[in-house]
Every structure is written in C-alpha cells, then in structure tokens.
Amino acid sequence: MESQSQTAPSPIPNVGAKTGLPRKGWITGIALILLFGGVLAYGIIGRMRDSATLRTETNTLAIPVVSVVTPKRSAPTQEITLPGNVQPFITSPIFSRTNGYLKAWHFDIGAHVKKGQLLAEIETPEVDQQLQQSRSNLATAEANLKLAEITKNRYQDLLKTNAVSQQDVDNTIGTFNANKAIVEANQANVKQLETLQSFEKIYAPFDGIITARNTDIGDLINSGSNGNAKTDLFHISQPGVLRVYVNVPEEYSQLAKPGLTATLTLAEFPGKSFSGKLVRTADSINNATRTLLSEVDVNNPTGQLLSGSFAEVHFKLPAEVSTFIIPVDTLLFRAEGLRVAVVKNGKADLVPVTPGHDFGETIEIVSGLKGDEAIIVSPPDSIIAGEQVQIAQQTAAKGTP
C-alpha cells in the first residue's frame, strides 16, 4: 500500500488552461495595434497623396491658359483708297474780246455744242464806226498813192529828156514811198478793226457741254484785254475723258508710277466701279500736305460721270517687302517699344515688332516676325518674358484667324 502510494504518478498540471486567457488578450492587442497603425498609415498616405494632388493642381492652375494665332502673310499687292476730285479733261471760261452789249445767246447750260458753233452775238457800234472810218482813210490813202505813182513815173520819163531836174524826180519818188507807207498803215488798221468786229460773234472753241451762262441779252460786255471787271460769258467743258486728281501720301509716292491702274467708286453709283489709269504725277511733294499730286484719266464716252464729283480712288500698289497681318489685340505697348508675346517651348517671349498700316481690327507688321510664331491673343499686361503659359487646345486647333 505504501509502495503503491510512493510509485503512483502525480497528476500533470494543465498549463494551457491556466495561461489561455492572457495569450488571447496579447494577440488581440497586437492586432488592434496593427489595425490602428494601418488605418493611421492609410490616412497619412491619403493625405500625402491629396496634398501632392492639390499642389499639382495648384501649380497647373497657376499657369495661365492663353489663346494663340499665327501671323498671316500679306498679299503681294496692297490696296489703298484715296479721295479724288473729278474734273473734265478740258474746261475753259469764254470771255469777250470786244466791248459792247449782248445782242443774243443761242445755248444755255447743259447744251452739247460742237467746235465752231455760234454761242452768242455782241453789238459793237463803236467798233463798226471805227472800221468804217478806217476804210475811208484807206481809200483816201490808196488814191493819194495812185496819184503819187503816176507823178513819179511821169517825172522819171521827163528826166530822160532833161526836162526836169533830178531833185524833182527824187521828190516824187519820196512822195510815192510815203503814200505807200500810209496805205499799208491804213490797211493794218482796217484789219485790226475787222478782227475786233469778228469778236462780235462768240464761237465754241471745242466740242463740249455748256456748264455755265453768266450773261443775258442787253448786258454790257467788257473785253478781256482792258482793265475793267471781266465776266466770263460761258463755261464750256469736255467730259469725254475725265481727269481725277488724287493726292497720294508721301509714303506711297515711290509706288505711284504712270501706268498704274486705278478703280473709281462714287456714292451715286452704289456697287459699280469705273476703271482708270494713272497718267502723270507732279514729281514733287507738296510741303503743306506731304502728298504727291497725281492725275488719273477715266474714259467717259456717254457722259455718265459728272465733272466736279467726289470719287474714291482705289490703287493696288505692289508691296516692296513681305509683311504680316495680325489682330490688334495681340499688341503690347511697353515703355521699351511695341511688343507681341509669342509662345516658345511653353514659355512666353516678348518680341519687338515694327507696325505698318492700321486696318482697324488688324494691323500690318513690317518687321520682327517670321511667320511661324504662336502669338498670344489679348496678353495680360503683367506678362513677362520666360513666364510659363499653356495654350488652349480649342484655339490652337483653329490656326490662323
């Protein structure tokens, strides 16, 4: 009994049963720590990602988005429009060359007359009386000359028989020569008065239109050769060919050469144009207006165009240099001069340009551009060289305006 009690095995203690609860708590704590750390890490990483995205978006939004255009090359010829003054090819005031009273006139304003047609008649009683007196004096002088010639011939025959002296013959010859001179003087006087009498009738000097009549029957007419007040009786013009006088600005003076074609437009003929040709220039710049006076001739066979009209003359001038056309809202007015902002490698660059002619919404650039630039439209005044910009896709796709 006693030995059995000594050899009987003692019961093994259940360690797991005693330590199970603390081990589960430890694992649960570690799991919670890991879960919290993961959540914390996920939150930190998300915030870092959001922060990076925000910085990227901020940087992206900080880059200005711009619209661009490319310059358009100008045409090889340029057209300028200048005011023109339409005048007849020939125009002349008709004056009287004798004194008297207007007896009759035969044509009024607007009448088409031919060269040599009688326009008016003037009564000149004084000239008529002077002519009659001069003809009488001429008849007397011719009679004296005939008598002197007979006497001279007779004395020359008597001299052959020594019936008269040489002195008497010389006297008769002298008397004959003096009477001959008197006859010639009277003949000249008669011709002068006949010419004055011919001025009683006023004829048209060329084919044309009467544009003015400044006299009427009974008016006192003064000749154009005396010092009295002179009034032109008629104005006559020839409108078959019109002269259009144009003042060409000095900058175009070297391009305005004879032979250059021109087109005329007038307000009274909407939608219609008339062709002409530059025939001559003054070859001198007017000091007051800095313009070159030029003449354009226009055929007007039907008289449709009226002299004295105002016309717009369009010249197509050859361009001496290649230029570009850009919108005016691309220009930057800086203290250092005129600039345009162009995009190069995603950055703005300010390029100096030289302007030409202003066409309103567009402007000509004569130097500073090559033609392949992407020019920023409506650039901000604060833009500087080297500033990063972004081109708007929808505008870039349109290309040249």
Protein backbone atom coordinates (compact mmCIF):
# COMPACT_ATOMS: atom_id res chain seq x y z
CA MET A 1 0.00 0.00 0.00
CA GLU A 2 2.71 2.25 0.99
CA SER A 3 4.77 1.38 -2.06
CA GLN A 4 1.87 1.91 -4.27
CA SER A 5 1.37 5.33 -2.92
CA GLN A 6 5.02 6.09 -3.49
CA THR A 7 5.11 4.90 -7.09
CA ALA A 8 1.76 6.25 -8.26
CA PRO A 9 2.31 9.11 -10.80
CA SER A 10 1.31 12.56 -9.77
CA PRO A 11 -1.27 14.39 -11.91
CA ILE A 12 0.28 16.76 -14.75
CA PRO A 13 -0.80 20.34 -14.28
CA ASN A 14 -2.86 21.93 -17.25
CA VAL A 15 -0.66 24.85 -18.13
CA GLY A 16 -2.79 25.81 -21.08
CA ALA A 17 -5.86 26.02 -19.03
CA LYS A 18 -4.14 28.41 -16.65
CA THR A 19 -2.47 30.73 -19.30
CA GLY A 20 -5.05 30.69 -22.25
CA LEU A 21 -6.84 33.96 -21.44
CA PRO A 22 -3.72 36.19 -21.21
CA ARG A 23 -2.38 34.90 -24.58
CA LYS A 24 -5.63 35.78 -26.40
CA GLY A 25 -5.55 39.30 -24.99
CA TRP A 26 -1.99 39.75 -26.14
CA ILE A 27 -2.81 38.66 -29.72
CA THR A 28 -5.88 40.87 -29.75
CA GLY A 29 -3.83 43.85 -28.59
CA ILE A 30 -1.25 43.30 -31.28
CA ALA A 31 -3.98 43.02 -33.90
CA LEU A 32 -5.58 46.22 -32.71
CA ILE A 33 -2.24 47.96 -32.76
CA LEU A 34 -1.59 46.77 -36.30
CA LEU A 35 -5.10 47.76 -37.41
CA PHE A 36 -4.80 51.19 -35.89
CA GLY A 37 -1.35 51.63 -37.38
CA GLY A 38 -2.66 50.57 -40.80
CA VAL A 39 -5.56 52.96 -40.57
CA LEU A 40 -3.22 55.69 -39.44
CA ALA A 41 -0.76 54.93 -42.22
CA TYR A 42 -3.55 54.82 -44.79
CA GLY A 43 -4.81 58.16 -43.62
CA ILE A 44 -1.34 59.68 -43.69
CA ILE A 45 -0.65 58.28 -47.15
CA GLY A 46 -4.04 59.53 -48.40
CA ARG A 47 -3.40 62.97 -47.02
CA MET A 48 0.04 62.99 -48.57
CA ARG A 49 -1.47 61.91 -51.89
CA ASP A 50 -4.20 64.58 -51.65
CA SER A 51 -1.61 67.16 -50.74
CA ALA A 52 0.52 66.23 -53.74
CA THR A 53 -2.55 66.31 -55.99
CA LEU A 54 -3.53 69.70 -54.60
CA ARG A 55 -0.03 71.04 -55.17
CA THR A 56 -0.10 69.71 -58.74
CA GLU A 57 -3.49 71.23 -59.43
CA THR A 58 -2.44 74.49 -57.83
CA ASN A 59 0.70 74.61 -59.94
CA THR A 60 -1.33 73.71 -63.02
CA LEU A 61 -3.92 76.38 -62.34
CA ALA A 62 -1.16 78.90 -61.70
CA ILE A 63 -0.03 78.52 -65.36
CA PRO A 64 -2.15 80.92 -67.46
CA VAL A 65 -4.06 79.40 -70.35
CA VAL A 66 -3.70 81.53 -73.47
CA SER A 67 -5.17 81.60 -76.94
CA VAL A 68 -2.77 81.97 -79.84
CA VAL A 69 -2.88 82.87 -83.52
CA THR A 70 -0.30 82.66 -86.27
CA PRO A 71 0.52 85.74 -88.36
CA LYS A 72 -0.96 85.89 -91.82
CA ARG A 73 1.31 86.86 -94.68
CA SER A 74 0.09 89.91 -96.53
CA ALA A 75 -0.75 89.86 -100.22
CA PRO A 76 1.98 90.73 -102.77
CA THR A 77 -0.05 93.85 -103.56
CA GLN A 78 -1.70 96.27 -101.20
CA GLU A 79 -4.75 98.39 -101.89
CA ILE A 80 -5.12 101.95 -100.75
CA THR A 81 -8.19 104.13 -101.08
CA LEU A 82 -7.81 107.88 -101.55
CA PRO A 83 -10.25 110.72 -102.22
CA GLY A 84 -10.31 112.03 -105.77
CA ASN A 85 -11.59 115.20 -107.41
CA VAL A 86 -13.22 114.56 -110.81
CA GLN A 87 -12.55 117.28 -113.40
CA PRO A 88 -13.20 117.49 -117.16
CA PHE A 89 -10.28 116.85 -119.46
CA ILE A 90 -10.66 120.35 -120.94
CA THR A 91 -12.53 123.23 -119.33
CA SER A 92 -12.47 126.88 -120.33
CA PRO A 93 -14.25 130.14 -119.50
CA ILE A 94 -15.39 132.07 -122.58
CA PHE A 95 -14.67 135.82 -122.48
CA SER A 96 -15.39 138.58 -124.95
CA ARG A 97 -12.54 140.26 -126.86
CA THR A 98 -14.56 143.36 -127.70
CA ASN A 99 -16.75 145.88 -125.89
CA GLY A 100 -20.44 146.16 -126.46
CA TYR A 101 -23.87 144.87 -125.50
CA LEU A 102 -25.02 141.29 -125.71
CA LYS A 103 -27.35 141.01 -128.68
CA ALA A 104 -28.30 137.31 -128.38
CA TRP A 105 -27.20 133.98 -126.89
CA HIS A 106 -28.00 130.65 -128.53
CA PHE A 107 -27.14 127.94 -125.98
CA ASP A 108 -27.90 127.54 -122.29
CA ILE A 109 -26.42 125.31 -119.58
CA GLY A 110 -26.33 121.61 -120.34
CA ALA A 111 -26.25 122.14 -124.10
CA HIS A 112 -23.89 119.95 -126.12
CA VAL A 113 -22.09 122.09 -128.68
CA LYS A 114 -19.65 121.41 -131.49
CA LYS A 115 -16.48 123.27 -132.24
CA GLY A 116 -17.23 126.46 -134.22
CA GLN A 117 -20.90 126.72 -133.28
CA LEU A 118 -22.15 130.25 -132.61
CA LEU A 119 -22.77 130.78 -128.90
CA ALA A 120 -23.63 134.50 -128.69
CA GLU A 121 -23.57 137.82 -130.57
CA ILE A 122 -22.44 141.22 -129.31
CA GLU A 123 -23.38 144.64 -130.66
CA THR A 124 -20.32 146.94 -131.01
CA PRO A 125 -21.42 150.23 -132.65
CA GLU A 126 -18.16 151.98 -131.75
CA VAL A 127 -16.08 149.35 -133.48
CA ASP A 128 -18.35 149.42 -136.51
CA GLN A 129 -17.93 153.20 -136.83
CA GLN A 130 -14.17 152.99 -136.39
CA LEU A 131 -13.97 150.33 -139.06
CA GLN A 132 -16.00 152.44 -141.48
CA GLN A 133 -13.73 155.45 -140.83
CA SER A 134 -10.60 153.35 -141.27
CA ARG A 135 -11.84 152.02 -144.58
CA SER A 136 -12.47 155.59 -145.77
CA ASN A 137 -8.98 156.62 -144.68
CA LEU A 138 -7.60 153.63 -146.53
CA ALA A 139 -9.45 154.63 -149.70
CA THR A 140 -8.04 158.17 -149.46
CA ALA A 141 -4.54 156.85 -148.90
CA GLU A 142 -4.84 154.48 -151.86
CA ALA A 143 -5.96 157.38 -154.10
CA ASN A 144 -3.01 159.52 -152.98
CA LEU A 145 -0.70 156.58 -153.59
CA LYS A 146 -2.04 156.15 -157.14
CA LEU A 147 -1.52 159.84 -157.89
CA ALA A 148 2.00 159.73 -156.42
CA GLU A 149 2.79 156.70 -158.57
CA ILE A 150 1.61 158.47 -161.77
CA THR A 151 3.62 161.58 -160.90
CA LYS A 152 6.71 159.51 -160.16
CA ASN A 153 6.50 157.67 -163.47
CA ARG A 154 5.95 160.89 -165.41
CA TYR A 155 8.93 162.66 -163.83
CA GLN A 156 11.13 159.67 -164.49
CA ASP A 157 10.21 159.83 -168.20
CA LEU A 158 10.85 163.60 -168.30
CA LEU A 159 14.24 163.10 -166.70
CA LYS A 160 15.36 161.19 -169.80
CA THR A 161 14.95 164.37 -171.92
CA ASN A 162 16.36 166.57 -169.15
CA ALA A 163 13.01 168.35 -168.88
CA VAL A 164 13.08 168.12 -165.09
CA SER A 165 15.85 168.04 -162.59
CA GLN A 166 16.97 165.02 -160.63
CA GLN A 167 15.79 166.73 -157.46
CA ASP A 168 12.24 166.86 -158.76
CA VAL A 169 12.36 163.17 -159.57
CA ASP A 170 13.67 162.33 -156.11
CA ASN A 171 10.85 164.34 -154.54
CA THR A 172 8.20 162.42 -156.48
CA ILE A 173 9.78 159.10 -155.53
CA GLY A 174 9.79 160.13 -151.85
CA THR A 175 6.16 161.20 -152.05
CA PHE A 176 5.26 157.83 -153.58
CA ASN A 177 7.04 155.85 -150.83
CA ALA A 178 5.40 157.95 -148.10
CA ASN A 179 1.94 157.39 -149.56
CA LYS A 180 2.67 153.68 -149.89
CA ALA A 181 3.54 153.51 -146.16
CA ILE A 182 0.34 155.38 -145.31
CA VAL A 183 -1.68 152.87 -147.29
CA GLU A 184 -0.02 149.93 -145.52
CA ALA A 185 -0.71 151.53 -142.11
CA ASN A 186 -4.36 152.07 -143.00
CA GLN A 187 -4.64 148.51 -144.26
CA ALA A 188 -3.29 147.23 -140.92
CA ASN A 189 -5.73 149.43 -139.02
CA VAL A 190 -8.64 148.11 -141.06
CA LYS A 191 -7.55 144.51 -140.44
CA GLN A 192 -7.35 145.20 -136.70
CA LEU A 193 -10.85 146.66 -136.59
CA GLU A 194 -12.18 143.84 -138.76
CA THR A 195 -10.72 141.38 -136.25
CA LEU A 196 -12.38 143.25 -133.39
CA GLN A 197 -15.62 143.23 -135.30
CA SER A 198 -15.29 139.45 -135.76
CA PHE A 199 -15.25 139.16 -131.97
CA GLU A 200 -18.88 140.25 -132.03
CA LYS A 201 -19.67 136.60 -132.66
CA ILE A 202 -18.54 134.11 -129.97
CA TYR A 203 -17.94 130.54 -131.12
CA ALA A 204 -17.35 127.29 -129.24
CA PRO A 205 -13.58 126.59 -129.11
CA PHE A 206 -14.07 122.80 -128.89
CA ASP A 207 -16.73 120.11 -128.59
CA GLY A 208 -18.18 120.16 -125.12
CA ILE A 209 -21.01 121.00 -122.73
CA ILE A 210 -22.06 124.45 -121.58
CA THR A 211 -21.77 124.29 -117.80
CA ALA A 212 -22.43 127.97 -117.03
CA ARG A 213 -24.02 131.04 -118.69
CA ASN A 214 -23.22 134.27 -116.87
CA THR A 215 -24.81 136.83 -119.20
CA ASP A 216 -28.12 137.78 -120.77
CA ILE A 217 -29.44 139.96 -123.56
CA GLY A 218 -28.61 143.66 -123.07
CA ASP A 219 -25.73 143.11 -120.64
CA LEU A 220 -22.72 145.39 -121.02
CA ILE A 221 -19.76 143.32 -122.14
CA ASN A 222 -16.18 144.30 -121.35
CA SER A 223 -13.34 142.86 -123.34
CA GLY A 224 -10.87 140.66 -121.54
CA SER A 225 -7.96 142.85 -122.61
CA ASN A 226 -8.88 146.05 -120.75
CA GLY A 227 -8.57 146.82 -117.08
CA ASN A 228 -12.28 146.74 -116.32
CA ALA A 229 -14.01 143.98 -114.41
CA LYS A 230 -14.23 140.91 -116.62
CA THR A 231 -17.02 138.37 -116.53
CA ASP A 232 -16.86 135.11 -118.41
CA LEU A 233 -19.89 134.73 -120.63
CA PHE A 234 -19.91 130.93 -120.71
CA HIS A 235 -18.14 127.96 -119.21
CA ILE A 236 -17.59 125.02 -121.50
CA SER A 237 -16.08 121.65 -120.58
CA GLN A 238 -15.20 118.49 -122.45
CA PRO A 239 -16.27 115.44 -120.37
CA GLY A 240 -15.41 112.66 -122.85
CA VAL A 241 -12.32 111.97 -120.76
CA LEU A 242 -12.17 112.97 -117.11
CA ARG A 243 -9.15 113.92 -115.07
CA VAL A 244 -9.28 112.67 -111.48
CA TYR A 245 -6.78 114.44 -109.25
CA VAL A 246 -5.55 112.42 -106.28
CA ASN A 247 -3.16 113.43 -103.50
CA VAL A 248 -1.04 110.34 -102.82
CA PRO A 249 0.62 110.26 -99.35
CA GLU A 250 4.38 110.60 -99.35
CA GLU A 251 4.93 107.04 -98.12
CA TYR A 252 3.34 105.70 -101.32
CA SER A 253 4.90 108.26 -103.68
CA GLN A 254 7.58 105.89 -104.98
CA LEU A 255 4.94 103.32 -105.92
CA ALA A 256 2.64 105.74 -107.74
CA LYS A 257 4.08 105.48 -111.23
CA PRO A 258 2.41 106.35 -114.56
CA GLY A 259 0.64 103.32 -116.00
CA LEU A 260 -0.71 102.15 -112.65
CA THR A 261 -4.34 101.04 -112.90
CA ALA A 262 -6.99 102.53 -110.64
CA THR A 263 -10.63 101.84 -109.82
CA LEU A 264 -13.14 104.58 -109.02
CA THR A 265 -16.26 104.26 -106.90
CA LEU A 266 -18.83 107.02 -106.45
CA ALA A 267 -21.68 107.37 -103.99
CA GLU A 268 -24.21 107.93 -106.77
CA PHE A 269 -23.32 104.56 -108.34
CA PRO A 270 -23.52 102.02 -105.48
CA GLY A 271 -22.00 98.66 -106.32
CA LYS A 272 -20.47 99.97 -109.56
CA SER A 273 -16.87 100.82 -110.33
CA PHE A 274 -15.05 102.60 -113.16
CA SER A 275 -11.56 101.84 -114.37
CA GLY A 276 -8.86 104.41 -114.98
CA LYS A 277 -5.13 104.78 -115.36
CA LEU A 278 -2.58 106.97 -113.62
CA VAL A 279 -1.05 109.03 -116.43
CA ARG A 280 1.14 111.60 -114.71
CA THR A 281 2.30 112.97 -111.36
CA ALA A 282 3.67 116.30 -110.24
CA ASP A 283 7.04 114.67 -109.40
CA SER A 284 7.13 116.88 -106.33
CA ILE A 285 5.91 116.51 -102.75
CA ASN A 286 3.67 119.30 -101.53
CA ASN A 287 5.31 120.88 -98.49
CA ALA A 288 2.00 121.67 -96.80
CA THR A 289 0.22 118.32 -97.24
CA ARG A 290 3.21 115.97 -97.78
CA THR A 291 1.39 114.42 -100.71
CA LEU A 292 2.11 113.79 -104.39
CA LEU A 293 -0.43 115.25 -106.81
CA SER A 294 -1.37 112.57 -109.34
CA GLU A 295 -3.73 112.50 -112.31
CA VAL A 296 -5.90 109.53 -113.23
CA ASP A 297 -7.66 109.60 -116.59
CA VAL A 298 -11.05 107.89 -116.93
CA ASN A 299 -12.92 107.39 -120.19
CA ASN A 300 -16.44 108.83 -120.06
CA PRO A 301 -17.86 108.48 -123.59
CA THR A 302 -21.51 108.58 -122.53
CA GLY A 303 -21.06 111.42 -120.04
CA GLN A 304 -22.35 109.23 -117.23
CA LEU A 305 -19.80 110.61 -114.78
CA LEU A 306 -20.24 114.26 -113.92
CA SER A 307 -17.33 116.63 -113.55
CA GLY A 308 -16.87 118.04 -110.09
CA SER A 309 -17.91 114.78 -108.43
CA PHE A 310 -16.18 113.24 -105.42
CA ALA A 311 -14.76 109.78 -106.02
CA GLU A 312 -12.87 107.17 -104.04
CA VAL A 313 -9.83 106.03 -105.98
CA HIS A 314 -8.56 102.52 -105.27
CA PHE A 315 -4.91 101.80 -106.12
CA LYS A 316 -3.37 98.33 -105.98
CA LEU A 317 0.26 99.03 -105.19
CA PRO A 318 2.98 96.39 -105.39
CA ALA A 319 4.38 95.54 -101.95
CA GLU A 320 8.10 96.18 -101.69
CA VAL A 321 8.66 93.85 -98.70
CA SER A 322 6.86 90.83 -97.30
CA THR A 323 4.77 91.80 -94.30
CA PHE A 324 2.40 90.06 -91.92
CA ILE A 325 -1.11 90.81 -90.67
CA ILE A 326 -2.05 90.19 -87.02
CA PRO A 327 -5.00 91.19 -84.81
CA VAL A 328 -4.54 94.48 -83.00
CA ASP A 329 -5.40 92.85 -79.64
CA THR A 330 -2.09 90.93 -79.77
CA LEU A 331 -0.01 94.09 -79.30
CA LEU A 332 1.70 95.05 -76.08
CA PHE A 333 2.55 98.71 -75.56
CA ARG A 334 5.64 98.82 -73.38
CA ALA A 335 7.99 101.60 -72.42
CA GLU A 336 10.75 99.96 -74.45
CA GLY A 337 8.55 99.81 -77.55
CA LEU A 338 5.85 97.80 -79.25
CA ARG A 339 5.92 94.05 -78.47
CA VAL A 340 3.98 90.86 -79.15
CA ALA A 341 4.01 87.86 -76.79
CA VAL A 342 4.81 84.55 -78.51
CA VAL A 343 4.88 81.05 -77.04
CA LYS A 344 8.20 79.20 -77.29
CA ASN A 345 8.66 75.82 -75.56
CA GLY A 346 5.76 76.52 -73.24
CA LYS A 347 7.10 79.92 -72.18
CA ALA A 348 6.23 83.44 -73.18
CA ASP A 349 8.72 85.51 -75.13
CA LEU A 350 8.28 89.23 -75.88
CA VAL A 351 9.26 90.01 -79.47
CA PRO A 352 9.75 93.62 -80.68
CA VAL A 353 7.84 94.43 -83.88
CA THR A 354 7.56 97.37 -86.25
CA PRO A 355 3.99 98.31 -87.23
CA GLY A 356 2.87 99.28 -90.69
CA HIS A 357 -0.64 100.24 -91.75
CA ASP A 358 -3.51 100.04 -89.33
CA PHE A 359 -6.58 98.34 -90.86
CA GLY A 360 -8.82 98.67 -87.82
CA GLU A 361 -9.19 95.18 -86.34
CA THR A 362 -5.87 94.07 -87.85
CA ILE A 363 -2.51 95.73 -88.27
CA GLU A 364 0.42 95.26 -90.61
CA ILE A 365 3.79 94.22 -89.17
CA VAL A 366 6.72 95.10 -91.41
CA SER A 367 9.50 93.59 -89.32
CA GLY A 368 10.06 91.39 -86.27
CA LEU A 369 8.07 88.28 -87.31
CA LYS A 370 9.00 85.19 -89.32
CA GLY A 371 5.51 83.83 -89.88
CA ASP A 372 5.58 80.66 -87.76
CA GLU A 373 5.10 82.27 -84.34
CA ALA A 374 2.28 81.39 -81.97
CA ILE A 375 1.20 84.87 -80.90
CA ILE A 376 -0.85 85.25 -77.71
CA VAL A 377 -4.21 86.93 -78.17
CA SER A 378 -5.09 89.60 -75.60
CA PRO A 379 -2.00 89.01 -73.43
CA PRO A 380 -2.18 90.33 -69.86
CA ASP A 381 -0.26 93.50 -69.20
CA SER A 382 1.64 91.73 -66.42
CA ILE A 383 3.10 89.07 -68.71
CA ILE A 384 6.90 88.85 -68.68
CA ALA A 385 9.48 87.08 -70.77
CA GLY A 386 10.09 83.49 -69.61
CA GLU A 387 6.71 83.14 -67.92
CA GLN A 388 5.25 79.65 -68.33
CA VAL A 389 1.98 79.54 -70.27
CA GLN A 390 -0.38 76.90 -71.57
CA ILE A 391 -2.01 77.03 -74.98
CA ALA A 392 -5.74 76.49 -75.08
CA GLN A 393 -6.37 73.45 -77.26
CA GLN A 394 -9.54 74.67 -78.90
CA THR A 395 -7.88 77.89 -80.06
CA ALA A 396 -4.66 76.26 -81.14
CA ALA A 397 -6.60 73.92 -83.39
CA LYS A 398 -8.05 76.83 -85.36
CA GLY A 399 -4.72 78.12 -86.59
CA THR A 400 -4.56 81.41 -88.42
CA PRO A 401 -7.56 83.66 -87.77
